[in-house]
Amino acid sequence: MGGMRVVADLDICQGHQLCQGEAPDVFGFDEDADVVVLLEERPDESRRADVTQAVKYCPAFALALEEDHA
């Protein structure tokens, strides 16, 4: 069964936290490191719209959404 997998590039994450506003159950935040934390690498399909928005609005383009065909 395919689903989606969220990928975060912590090297380019700038700590804007906009993804948290879109999907706080999927994206957390590490205050000390000032970077995103993936709480749910493979979110439920019902979260796709919010996760897609979060990826789209990341100012640093640090997030990606991949189709997981596993």
PDB file of N, CA and C in Angstrom:
ATOM      1  N   MET A   1       0.834  -1.198   0.000  1.00  0.00           N
ATOM      2  CA  MET A   1       0.000   0.000   0.000  1.00  0.00           C
ATOM      3  C   MET A   1       0.870   1.251   0.000  1.00  0.00           C
ATOM      4  N   GLY A   2       0.670   2.104  -0.952  1.00  0.00           N
ATOM      5  CA  GLY A   2       1.468   3.324  -1.030  1.00  0.00           C
ATOM      6  C   GLY A   2       0.920   4.408  -0.130  1.00  0.00           C
ATOM      7  N   GLY A   3       1.775   5.304   0.220  1.00  0.00           N
ATOM      8  CA  GLY A   3       1.370   6.428   1.047  1.00  0.00           C
ATOM      9  C   GLY A   3       2.319   7.566   0.780  1.00  0.00           C
ATOM     10  N   MET A   4       2.437   8.455   1.725  1.00  0.00           N
ATOM     11  CA  MET A   4       3.377   9.555   1.543  1.00  0.00           C
ATOM     12  C   MET A   4       4.405   9.536   2.655  1.00  0.00           C
ATOM     13  N   ARG A   5       5.554  10.051   2.310  1.00  0.00           N
ATOM     14  CA  ARG A   5       6.637  10.126   3.281  1.00  0.00           C
ATOM     15  C   ARG A   5       7.176  11.550   3.251  1.00  0.00           C
ATOM     16  N   VAL A   6       7.310  12.144   4.416  1.00  0.00           N
ATOM     17  CA  VAL A   6       7.813  13.509   4.515  1.00  0.00           C
ATOM     18  C   VAL A   6       9.322  13.473   4.734  1.00  0.00           C
ATOM     19  N   VAL A   7      10.023  14.321   4.003  1.00  0.00           N
ATOM     20  CA  VAL A   7      11.473  14.410   4.139  1.00  0.00           C
ATOM     21  C   VAL A   7      11.827  15.844   4.514  1.00  0.00           C
ATOM     22  N   ALA A   8      12.655  15.996   5.530  1.00  0.00           N
ATOM     23  CA  ALA A   8      13.078  17.331   5.951  1.00  0.00           C
ATOM     24  C   ALA A   8      14.594  17.447   5.847  1.00  0.00           C
ATOM     25  N   ASP A   9      15.063  18.481   5.193  1.00  0.00           N
ATOM     26  CA  ASP A   9      16.503  18.729   5.068  1.00  0.00           C
ATOM     27  C   ASP A   9      16.901  19.716   6.168  1.00  0.00           C
ATOM     28  N   LEU A  10      17.429  19.187   7.247  1.00  0.00           N
ATOM     29  CA  LEU A  10      17.757  20.032   8.399  1.00  0.00           C
ATOM     30  C   LEU A  10      18.902  20.991   8.124  1.00  0.00           C
ATOM     31  N   ASP A  11      19.674  20.714   7.076  1.00  0.00           N
ATOM     32  CA  ASP A  11      20.783  21.605   6.736  1.00  0.00           C
ATOM     33  C   ASP A  11      20.286  22.940   6.197  1.00  0.00           C
ATOM     34  N   ILE A  12      19.098  22.927   5.594  1.00  0.00           N
ATOM     35  CA  ILE A  12      18.613  24.188   5.031  1.00  0.00           C
ATOM     36  C   ILE A  12      17.380  24.734   5.763  1.00  0.00           C
ATOM     37  N   CYS A  13      16.887  23.982   6.741  1.00  0.00           N
ATOM     38  CA  CYS A  13      15.771  24.480   7.555  1.00  0.00           C
ATOM     39  C   CYS A  13      16.223  25.740   8.281  1.00  0.00           C
ATOM     40  N   GLN A  14      15.390  26.778   8.229  1.00  0.00           N
ATOM     41  CA  GLN A  14      15.744  28.055   8.868  1.00  0.00           C
ATOM     42  C   GLN A  14      14.894  28.355  10.103  1.00  0.00           C
ATOM     43  N   GLY A  15      14.105  27.390  10.512  1.00  0.00           N
ATOM     44  CA  GLY A  15      13.335  27.564  11.739  1.00  0.00           C
ATOM     45  C   GLY A  15      12.173  28.521  11.642  1.00  0.00           C
ATOM     46  N   HIS A  16      11.583  28.648  10.466  1.00  0.00           N
ATOM     47  CA  HIS A  16      10.440  29.561  10.323  1.00  0.00           C
ATOM     48  C   HIS A  16       9.184  29.027  11.021  1.00  0.00           C
ATOM     49  N   GLN A  17       9.096  27.713  11.134  1.00  0.00           N
ATOM     50  CA  GLN A  17       7.983  27.038  11.808  1.00  0.00           C
ATOM     51  C   GLN A  17       6.633  27.183  11.105  1.00  0.00           C
ATOM     52  N   LEU A  18       6.639  27.576   9.844  1.00  0.00           N
ATOM     53  CA  LEU A  18       5.369  27.686   9.124  1.00  0.00           C
ATOM     54  C   LEU A  18       4.728  26.309   8.954  1.00  0.00           C
ATOM     55  N   CYS A  19       5.555  25.281   8.835  1.00  0.00           N
ATOM     56  CA  CYS A  19       5.018  23.931   8.666  1.00  0.00           C
ATOM     57  C   CYS A  19       4.210  23.521   9.896  1.00  0.00           C
ATOM     58  N   GLN A  20       4.642  23.986  11.050  1.00  0.00           N
ATOM     59  CA  GLN A  20       3.925  23.662  12.284  1.00  0.00           C
ATOM     60  C   GLN A  20       2.523  24.254  12.269  1.00  0.00           C
ATOM     61  N   GLY A  21       2.401  25.426  11.696  1.00  0.00           N
ATOM     62  CA  GLY A  21       1.094  26.066  11.620  1.00  0.00           C
ATOM     63  C   GLY A  21       0.136  25.281  10.743  1.00  0.00           C
ATOM     64  N   GLU A  22       0.676  24.645   9.706  1.00  0.00           N
ATOM     65  CA  GLU A  22      -0.146  23.876   8.777  1.00  0.00           C
ATOM     66  C   GLU A  22      -0.481  22.483   9.311  1.00  0.00           C
ATOM     67  N   ALA A  23       0.502  21.839   9.906  1.00  0.00           N
ATOM     68  CA  ALA A  23       0.306  20.455  10.368  1.00  0.00           C
ATOM     69  C   ALA A  23       1.108  20.198  11.640  1.00  0.00           C
ATOM     70  N   PRO A  24       0.641  20.746  12.764  1.00  0.00           N
ATOM     71  CA  PRO A  24       1.391  20.634  14.028  1.00  0.00           C
ATOM     72  C   PRO A  24       1.539  19.208  14.549  1.00  0.00           C
ATOM     73  N   ASP A  25       0.695  18.302  14.052  1.00  0.00           N
ATOM     74  CA  ASP A  25       0.808  16.917  14.486  1.00  0.00           C
ATOM     75  C   ASP A  25       1.879  16.164  13.705  1.00  0.00           C
ATOM     76  N   VAL A  26       2.320  16.755  12.592  1.00  0.00           N
ATOM     77  CA  VAL A  26       3.335  16.116  11.752  1.00  0.00           C
ATOM     78  C   VAL A  26       4.700  16.765  11.957  1.00  0.00           C
ATOM     79  N   PHE A  27       4.698  18.083  12.133  1.00  0.00           N
ATOM     80  CA  PHE A  27       5.952  18.828  12.277  1.00  0.00           C
ATOM     81  C   PHE A  27       6.103  19.408  13.674  1.00  0.00           C
ATOM     82  N   GLY A  28       7.185  19.020  14.336  1.00  0.00           N
ATOM     83  CA  GLY A  28       7.495  19.590  15.634  1.00  0.00           C
ATOM     84  C   GLY A  28       8.636  20.572  15.444  1.00  0.00           C
ATOM     85  N   PHE A  29       9.203  21.034  16.565  1.00  0.00           N
ATOM     86  CA  PHE A  29      10.296  21.995  16.462  1.00  0.00           C
ATOM     87  C   PHE A  29      11.284  21.800  17.593  1.00  0.00           C
ATOM     88  N   ASP A  30      12.552  21.779  17.237  1.00  0.00           N
ATOM     89  CA  ASP A  30      13.619  21.647  18.220  1.00  0.00           C
ATOM     90  C   ASP A  30      14.121  23.053  18.545  1.00  0.00           C
ATOM     91  N   GLU A  31      13.700  23.584  19.688  1.00  0.00           N
ATOM     92  CA  GLU A  31      14.059  24.959  20.060  1.00  0.00           C
ATOM     93  C   GLU A  31      15.575  25.154  20.134  1.00  0.00           C
ATOM     94  N   ASP A  32      16.268  24.168  20.688  1.00  0.00           N
ATOM     95  CA  ASP A  32      17.719  24.294  20.857  1.00  0.00           C
ATOM     96  C   ASP A  32      18.458  24.337  19.526  1.00  0.00           C
ATOM     97  N   ALA A  33      18.056  23.451  18.618  1.00  0.00           N
ATOM     98  CA  ALA A  33      18.740  23.378  17.324  1.00  0.00           C
ATOM     99  C   ALA A  33      18.125  24.342  16.306  1.00  0.00           C
ATOM    100  N   ASP A  34      16.945  24.877  16.631  1.00  0.00           N
ATOM    101  CA  ASP A  34      16.236  25.804  15.737  1.00  0.00           C
ATOM    102  C   ASP A  34      15.908  25.163  14.390  1.00  0.00           C
ATOM    103  N   VAL A  35      15.487  23.903  14.440  1.00  0.00           N
ATOM    104  CA  VAL A  35      15.122  23.189  13.217  1.00  0.00           C
ATOM    105  C   VAL A  35      13.848  22.372  13.434  1.00  0.00           C
ATOM    106  N   VAL A  36      13.237  22.015  12.333  1.00  0.00           N
ATOM    107  CA  VAL A  36      12.026  21.199  12.357  1.00  0.00           C
ATOM    108  C   VAL A  36      12.334  19.790  12.860  1.00  0.00           C
ATOM    109  N   VAL A  37      11.349  19.176  13.465  1.00  0.00           N
ATOM    110  CA  VAL A  37      11.446  17.785  13.897  1.00  0.00           C
ATOM    111  C   VAL A  37      10.244  17.049  13.296  1.00  0.00           C
ATOM    112  N   LEU A  38      10.512  15.969  12.586  1.00  0.00           N
ATOM    113  CA  LEU A  38       9.408  15.202  12.003  1.00  0.00           C
ATOM    114  C   LEU A  38       8.795  14.315  13.084  1.00  0.00           C
ATOM    115  N   LEU A  39       7.562  14.614  13.453  1.00  0.00           N
ATOM    116  CA  LEU A  39       6.874  13.802  14.456  1.00  0.00           C
ATOM    117  C   LEU A  39       6.261  12.582  13.791  1.00  0.00           C
ATOM    118  N   GLU A  40       5.928  12.728  12.528  1.00  0.00           N
ATOM    119  CA  GLU A  40       5.271  11.651  11.786  1.00  0.00           C
ATOM    120  C   GLU A  40       5.834  11.626  10.373  1.00  0.00           C
ATOM    121  N   GLU A  41       6.779  10.714  10.142  1.00  0.00           N
ATOM    122  CA  GLU A  41       7.420  10.660   8.829  1.00  0.00           C
ATOM    123  C   GLU A  41       6.469  10.162   7.750  1.00  0.00           C
ATOM    124  N   ARG A  42       5.531   9.313   8.153  1.00  0.00           N
ATOM    125  CA  ARG A  42       4.541   8.792   7.199  1.00  0.00           C
ATOM    126  C   ARG A  42       3.136   9.121   7.694  1.00  0.00           C
ATOM    127  N   PRO A  43       2.703  10.362   7.472  1.00  0.00           N
ATOM    128  CA  PRO A  43       1.387  10.781   7.958  1.00  0.00           C
ATOM    129  C   PRO A  43       0.251  10.015   7.283  1.00  0.00           C
ATOM    130  N   ASP A  44      -0.873   9.980   7.966  1.00  0.00           N
ATOM    131  CA  ASP A  44      -2.049   9.335   7.403  1.00  0.00           C
ATOM    132  C   ASP A  44      -2.491  10.086   6.153  1.00  0.00           C
ATOM    133  N   GLU A  45      -3.097   9.359   5.244  1.00  0.00           N
ATOM    134  CA  GLU A  45      -3.531   9.944   3.978  1.00  0.00           C
ATOM    135  C   GLU A  45      -4.479  11.133   4.194  1.00  0.00           C
ATOM    136  N   SER A  46      -5.213  11.106   5.272  1.00  0.00           N
ATOM    137  CA  SER A  46      -6.157  12.192   5.566  1.00  0.00           C
ATOM    138  C   SER A  46      -5.442  13.518   5.843  1.00  0.00           C
ATOM    139  N   ARG A  47      -4.141  13.446   6.100  1.00  0.00           N
ATOM    140  CA  ARG A  47      -3.360  14.651   6.408  1.00  0.00           C
ATOM    141  C   ARG A  47      -2.694  15.217   5.165  1.00  0.00           C
ATOM    142  N   ARG A  48      -2.895  14.579   4.023  1.00  0.00           N
ATOM    143  CA  ARG A  48      -2.161  14.955   2.812  1.00  0.00           C
ATOM    144  C   ARG A  48      -2.299  16.437   2.457  1.00  0.00           C
ATOM    145  N   ALA A  49      -3.496  16.978   2.515  1.00  0.00           N
ATOM    146  CA  ALA A  49      -3.702  18.376   2.129  1.00  0.00           C
ATOM    147  C   ALA A  49      -2.881  19.323   3.008  1.00  0.00           C
ATOM    148  N   ASP A  50      -2.933  19.109   4.323  1.00  0.00           N
ATOM    149  CA  ASP A  50      -2.191  19.982   5.238  1.00  0.00           C
ATOM    150  C   ASP A  50      -0.688  19.825   5.074  1.00  0.00           C
ATOM    151  N   VAL A  51      -0.249  18.586   4.918  1.00  0.00           N
ATOM    152  CA  VAL A  51       1.185  18.334   4.758  1.00  0.00           C
ATOM    153  C   VAL A  51       1.687  18.944   3.445  1.00  0.00           C
ATOM    154  N   THR A  52       0.888  18.821   2.394  1.00  0.00           N
ATOM    155  CA  THR A  52       1.260  19.397   1.105  1.00  0.00           C
ATOM    156  C   THR A  52       1.401  20.915   1.220  1.00  0.00           C
ATOM    157  N   GLN A  53       0.496  21.545   1.943  1.00  0.00           N
ATOM    158  CA  GLN A  53       0.559  22.998   2.149  1.00  0.00           C
ATOM    159  C   GLN A  53       1.826  23.360   2.924  1.00  0.00           C
ATOM    160  N   ALA A  54       2.128  22.590   3.952  1.00  0.00           N
ATOM    161  CA  ALA A  54       3.312  22.854   4.769  1.00  0.00           C
ATOM    162  C   ALA A  54       4.577  22.795   3.920  1.00  0.00           C
ATOM    163  N   VAL A  55       4.663  21.772   3.078  1.00  0.00           N
ATOM    164  CA  VAL A  55       5.822  21.620   2.193  1.00  0.00           C
ATOM    165  C   VAL A  55       5.904  22.799   1.222  1.00  0.00           C
ATOM    166  N   LYS A  56       4.762  23.161   0.681  1.00  0.00           N
ATOM    167  CA  LYS A  56       4.692  24.230  -0.319  1.00  0.00           C
ATOM    168  C   LYS A  56       5.091  25.597   0.245  1.00  0.00           C
ATOM    169  N   TYR A  57       4.712  25.855   1.488  1.00  0.00           N
ATOM    170  CA  TYR A  57       4.937  27.189   2.064  1.00  0.00           C
ATOM    171  C   TYR A  57       6.232  27.332   2.850  1.00  0.00           C
ATOM    172  N   CYS A  58       7.032  26.269   2.905  1.00  0.00           N
ATOM    173  CA  CYS A  58       8.315  26.387   3.611  1.00  0.00           C
ATOM    174  C   CYS A  58       9.204  27.385   2.877  1.00  0.00           C
ATOM    175  N   PRO A  59       9.565  28.512   3.528  1.00  0.00           N
ATOM    176  CA  PRO A  59      10.368  29.543   2.860  1.00  0.00           C
ATOM    177  C   PRO A  59      11.762  29.064   2.453  1.00  0.00           C
ATOM    178  N   ALA A  60      12.265  28.064   3.168  1.00  0.00           N
ATOM    179  CA  ALA A  60      13.625  27.585   2.890  1.00  0.00           C
ATOM    180  C   ALA A  60      13.636  26.379   1.953  1.00  0.00           C
ATOM    181  N   PHE A  61      12.452  25.926   1.542  1.00  0.00           N
ATOM    182  CA  PHE A  61      12.342  24.722   0.702  1.00  0.00           C
ATOM    183  C   PHE A  61      13.040  23.531   1.352  1.00  0.00           C
ATOM    184  N   ALA A  62      12.898  23.417   2.661  1.00  0.00           N
ATOM    185  CA  ALA A  62      13.578  22.354   3.403  1.00  0.00           C
ATOM    186  C   ALA A  62      12.755  21.073   3.465  1.00  0.00           C
ATOM    187  N   LEU A  63      11.501  21.138   3.010  1.00  0.00           N
ATOM    188  CA  LEU A  63      10.623  19.975   3.114  1.00  0.00           C
ATOM    189  C   LEU A  63      10.284  19.385   1.750  1.00  0.00           C
ATOM    190  N   ALA A  64      10.083  18.095   1.727  1.00  0.00           N
ATOM    191  CA  ALA A  64       9.676  17.422   0.492  1.00  0.00           C
ATOM    192  C   ALA A  64       8.672  16.340   0.844  1.00  0.00           C
ATOM    193  N   LEU A  65       7.834  16.034  -0.118  1.00  0.00           N
ATOM    194  CA  LEU A  65       6.854  14.970   0.064  1.00  0.00           C
ATOM    195  C   LEU A  65       7.111  13.939  -1.018  1.00  0.00           C
ATOM    196  N   GLU A  66       7.358  12.719  -0.586  1.00  0.00           N
ATOM    197  CA  GLU A  66       7.642  11.653  -1.542  1.00  0.00           C
ATOM    198  C   GLU A  66       6.532  10.626  -1.482  1.00  0.00           C
ATOM    199  N   GLU A  67       6.266  10.005  -2.629  1.00  0.00           N
ATOM    200  CA  GLU A  67       5.301   8.913  -2.639  1.00  0.00           C
ATOM    201  C   GLU A  67       6.029   7.663  -2.169  1.00  0.00           C
ATOM    202  N   ASP A  68       5.472   7.023  -1.184  1.00  0.00           N
ATOM    203  CA  ASP A  68       6.082   5.829  -0.609  1.00  0.00           C
ATOM    204  C   ASP A  68       5.371   4.597  -1.149  1.00  0.00           C
ATOM    205  N   HIS A  69       6.037   3.867  -2.010  1.00  0.00           N
ATOM    206  CA  HIS A  69       5.408   2.737  -2.668  1.00  0.00           C
ATOM    207  C   HIS A  69       5.692   1.406  -1.976  1.00  0.00           C
ATOM    208  N   ALA A  70       6.275   1.510  -0.810  1.00  0.00           N
ATOM    209  CA  ALA A  70       6.626   0.287  -0.089  1.00  0.00           C
ATOM    210  C   ALA A  70       5.382  -0.442   0.395  1.00  0.00           C
TER     211      ALA A  70
END
